[in-house]
């Protein structure tokens, strides 16, 4: 998956604005906009932040799934 698709998919899945995602990643909303339109690419540091954020969300989803199953 290319970075444009990854960022757009991530935002849609989370139903967050460019500004909200930018805040989570420590960049400006204009930066997220430029990534999504292909005007610029994330730096290596930003790519790492995106990957870590996705991992954090995956862990959160897994924890919520466990909690949901345990409460049944």
N, C-alpha and C. Protein backbone atom coordinates (compact mmCIF):
# COMPACT_ATOMS: atom_id res chain seq x y z
N UNK A 1 0.85 -1.17 0.00
CA UNK A 1 0.00 0.00 0.00
C UNK A 1 0.90 1.24 0.00
N UNK A 2 0.65 2.16 -0.90
CA UNK A 2 1.47 3.37 -0.93
C UNK A 2 1.05 4.31 0.21
N UNK A 3 1.89 5.27 0.49
CA UNK A 3 1.66 6.13 1.64
C UNK A 3 0.39 6.96 1.51
N UNK A 4 0.04 7.40 0.28
CA UNK A 4 -1.18 8.19 0.09
C UNK A 4 -2.40 7.38 0.50
N UNK A 5 -2.49 6.17 -0.01
CA UNK A 5 -3.61 5.28 0.30
C UNK A 5 -3.63 4.96 1.78
N UNK A 6 -2.47 4.71 2.35
CA UNK A 6 -2.38 4.37 3.77
C UNK A 6 -2.91 5.50 4.65
N UNK A 7 -2.52 6.71 4.36
CA UNK A 7 -2.95 7.85 5.18
C UNK A 7 -4.44 8.12 5.01
N UNK A 8 -4.91 8.10 3.78
CA UNK A 8 -6.34 8.33 3.54
C UNK A 8 -7.17 7.23 4.19
N UNK A 9 -6.75 5.98 4.04
CA UNK A 9 -7.47 4.85 4.64
C UNK A 9 -7.49 4.96 6.16
N UNK A 10 -6.37 5.33 6.73
CA UNK A 10 -6.27 5.48 8.17
C UNK A 10 -7.25 6.55 8.66
N UNK A 11 -7.28 7.68 7.99
CA UNK A 11 -8.19 8.76 8.41
C UNK A 11 -9.64 8.34 8.27
N UNK A 12 -9.98 7.66 7.17
CA UNK A 12 -11.37 7.25 6.96
C UNK A 12 -11.79 6.20 7.98
N UNK A 13 -10.90 5.25 8.25
CA UNK A 13 -11.21 4.20 9.22
C UNK A 13 -11.46 4.80 10.60
N UNK A 14 -10.66 5.79 10.97
CA UNK A 14 -10.80 6.42 12.28
C UNK A 14 -11.84 7.53 12.30
N UNK A 15 -12.29 7.95 11.13
CA UNK A 15 -13.24 9.06 11.00
C UNK A 15 -12.71 10.31 11.70
N UNK A 16 -11.46 10.65 11.38
CA UNK A 16 -10.84 11.84 11.96
C UNK A 16 -10.47 12.82 10.86
N UNK A 17 -10.35 14.06 11.25
CA UNK A 17 -9.97 15.09 10.30
C UNK A 17 -8.45 15.06 10.06
N UNK A 18 -8.04 15.79 9.05
CA UNK A 18 -6.60 15.93 8.81
C UNK A 18 -5.95 16.57 10.02
N UNK A 19 -6.63 17.51 10.62
CA UNK A 19 -6.08 18.20 11.80
C UNK A 19 -5.92 17.23 12.98
N UNK A 20 -6.91 16.37 13.19
CA UNK A 20 -6.81 15.40 14.29
C UNK A 20 -5.66 14.42 14.07
N UNK A 21 -5.55 13.91 12.85
CA UNK A 21 -4.46 12.99 12.55
C UNK A 21 -3.11 13.69 12.68
N UNK A 22 -3.05 14.91 12.19
CA UNK A 22 -1.81 15.68 12.28
C UNK A 22 -1.39 15.84 13.74
N UNK A 23 -2.35 16.13 14.61
CA UNK A 23 -2.05 16.29 16.03
C UNK A 23 -1.46 15.00 16.60
N UNK A 24 -2.04 13.86 16.24
CA UNK A 24 -1.55 12.57 16.74
C UNK A 24 -0.13 12.28 16.25
N UNK A 25 0.18 12.73 15.03
CA UNK A 25 1.48 12.45 14.44
C UNK A 25 2.52 13.53 14.71
N UNK A 26 2.08 14.65 15.26
CA UNK A 26 3.01 15.74 15.56
C UNK A 26 3.42 16.55 14.35
N UNK A 27 2.49 16.68 13.39
CA UNK A 27 2.74 17.49 12.19
C UNK A 27 1.57 18.45 12.01
N UNK A 28 1.67 19.35 11.04
CA UNK A 28 0.56 20.28 10.78
C UNK A 28 -0.49 19.61 9.89
N UNK A 29 -1.72 20.15 9.93
CA UNK A 29 -2.75 19.58 9.07
C UNK A 29 -2.41 19.82 7.60
N UNK A 30 -1.69 20.90 7.32
CA UNK A 30 -1.28 21.17 5.94
C UNK A 30 -0.32 20.08 5.45
N UNK A 31 0.49 19.56 6.34
CA UNK A 31 1.41 18.48 5.98
C UNK A 31 0.62 17.23 5.60
N UNK A 32 -0.38 16.88 6.40
CA UNK A 32 -1.22 15.72 6.10
C UNK A 32 -1.92 15.93 4.76
N UNK A 33 -2.40 17.13 4.51
CA UNK A 33 -3.05 17.45 3.23
C UNK A 33 -2.08 17.25 2.06
N UNK A 34 -0.86 17.72 2.20
CA UNK A 34 0.13 17.56 1.12
C UNK A 34 0.45 16.09 0.89
N UNK A 35 0.49 15.28 1.97
CA UNK A 35 0.72 13.84 1.80
C UNK A 35 -0.41 13.21 1.01
N UNK A 36 -1.65 13.58 1.38
CA UNK A 36 -2.82 12.96 0.74
C UNK A 36 -2.96 13.35 -0.72
N UNK A 37 -2.50 14.54 -1.08
CA UNK A 37 -2.61 14.98 -2.47
C UNK A 37 -1.37 14.62 -3.29
N UNK A 38 -0.37 14.06 -2.61
CA UNK A 38 0.85 13.67 -3.31
C UNK A 38 1.81 14.81 -3.57
N UNK A 39 1.57 15.97 -2.96
CA UNK A 39 2.47 17.11 -3.15
C UNK A 39 3.78 16.95 -2.40
N UNK A 40 3.76 16.11 -1.37
CA UNK A 40 4.99 15.78 -0.66
C UNK A 40 4.83 14.39 -0.06
N UNK A 41 5.95 13.84 0.36
CA UNK A 41 5.95 12.52 0.98
C UNK A 41 6.36 12.66 2.43
N UNK A 42 5.87 11.75 3.28
CA UNK A 42 6.31 11.80 4.68
C UNK A 42 7.82 11.55 4.78
N UNK A 43 8.44 12.25 5.70
CA UNK A 43 9.85 12.01 5.98
C UNK A 43 9.98 10.63 6.62
N UNK A 44 11.19 10.16 6.75
CA UNK A 44 11.42 8.87 7.43
C UNK A 44 10.87 8.92 8.86
N UNK A 45 11.07 10.04 9.52
CA UNK A 45 10.58 10.20 10.88
C UNK A 45 9.05 10.16 10.92
N UNK A 46 8.41 10.83 9.96
CA UNK A 46 6.95 10.84 9.89
C UNK A 46 6.42 9.45 9.54
N UNK A 47 7.10 8.74 8.64
CA UNK A 47 6.70 7.37 8.31
C UNK A 47 6.74 6.50 9.56
N UNK A 48 7.76 6.68 10.37
CA UNK A 48 7.89 5.92 11.62
C UNK A 48 6.74 6.27 12.56
N UNK A 49 6.39 7.56 12.65
CA UNK A 49 5.29 7.99 13.51
C UNK A 49 3.97 7.39 13.03
N UNK A 50 3.77 7.33 11.72
CA UNK A 50 2.55 6.74 11.16
C UNK A 50 2.50 5.25 11.51
N UNK A 51 3.61 4.56 11.31
CA UNK A 51 3.66 3.12 11.62
C UNK A 51 3.41 2.86 13.10
N UNK A 52 4.02 3.66 13.97
CA UNK A 52 3.83 3.49 15.41
C UNK A 52 2.38 3.77 15.80
N UNK A 53 1.78 4.78 15.20
CA UNK A 53 0.39 5.12 15.47
C UNK A 53 -0.52 3.97 15.05
N UNK A 54 -0.26 3.39 13.90
CA UNK A 54 -1.05 2.25 13.43
C UNK A 54 -0.89 1.05 14.36
N UNK A 55 0.33 0.81 14.82
CA UNK A 55 0.57 -0.28 15.77
C UNK A 55 -0.17 -0.04 17.07
N UNK A 56 -0.13 1.20 17.54
CA UNK A 56 -0.84 1.56 18.78
C UNK A 56 -2.33 1.29 18.63
N UNK A 57 -2.89 1.65 17.48
CA UNK A 57 -4.31 1.43 17.24
C UNK A 57 -4.63 -0.06 17.16
N UNK A 58 -3.74 -0.81 16.54
CA UNK A 58 -3.94 -2.25 16.43
C UNK A 58 -3.96 -2.88 17.83
N UNK A 59 -3.04 -2.47 18.68
CA UNK A 59 -3.00 -2.98 20.04
C UNK A 59 -4.27 -2.61 20.79
N UNK A 60 -4.73 -1.38 20.60
CA UNK A 60 -5.95 -0.93 21.25
C UNK A 60 -7.14 -1.76 20.78
N UNK A 61 -7.23 -2.01 19.46
CA UNK A 61 -8.32 -2.83 18.92
C UNK A 61 -8.28 -4.23 19.52
N UNK A 62 -7.09 -4.82 19.60
CA UNK A 62 -6.96 -6.17 20.17
C UNK A 62 -7.36 -6.19 21.63
N UNK A 63 -6.97 -5.17 22.39
CA UNK A 63 -7.33 -5.10 23.81
C UNK A 63 -8.84 -4.95 23.97
N UNK A 64 -9.47 -4.14 23.13
CA UNK A 64 -10.92 -3.95 23.21
C UNK A 64 -11.65 -5.25 22.87
N UNK A 65 -11.12 -5.99 21.92
CA UNK A 65 -11.72 -7.26 21.53
C UNK A 65 -11.65 -8.25 22.71
N UNK A 66 -10.53 -8.29 23.38
CA UNK A 66 -10.38 -9.17 24.55
C UNK A 66 -11.35 -8.75 25.64
N UNK A 67 -11.44 -7.47 25.91
CA UNK A 67 -12.33 -6.98 26.96
C UNK A 67 -13.78 -7.32 26.61
N UNK A 68 -14.15 -7.14 25.35
CA UNK A 68 -15.51 -7.45 24.91
C UNK A 68 -15.84 -8.92 25.10
N UNK A 69 -14.92 -9.78 24.73
CA UNK A 69 -15.15 -11.23 24.86
C UNK A 69 -15.19 -11.64 26.32
N UNK A 70 -14.38 -11.02 27.16
CA UNK A 70 -14.36 -11.37 28.58
C UNK A 70 -15.63 -10.96 29.29
N UNK A 71 -16.28 -9.91 28.80
CA UNK A 71 -17.48 -9.42 29.48
C UNK A 71 -18.73 -10.21 29.11
N UNK A 72 -18.62 -11.14 28.20
CA UNK A 72 -19.79 -11.95 27.80
C UNK A 72 -20.03 -13.08 28.72
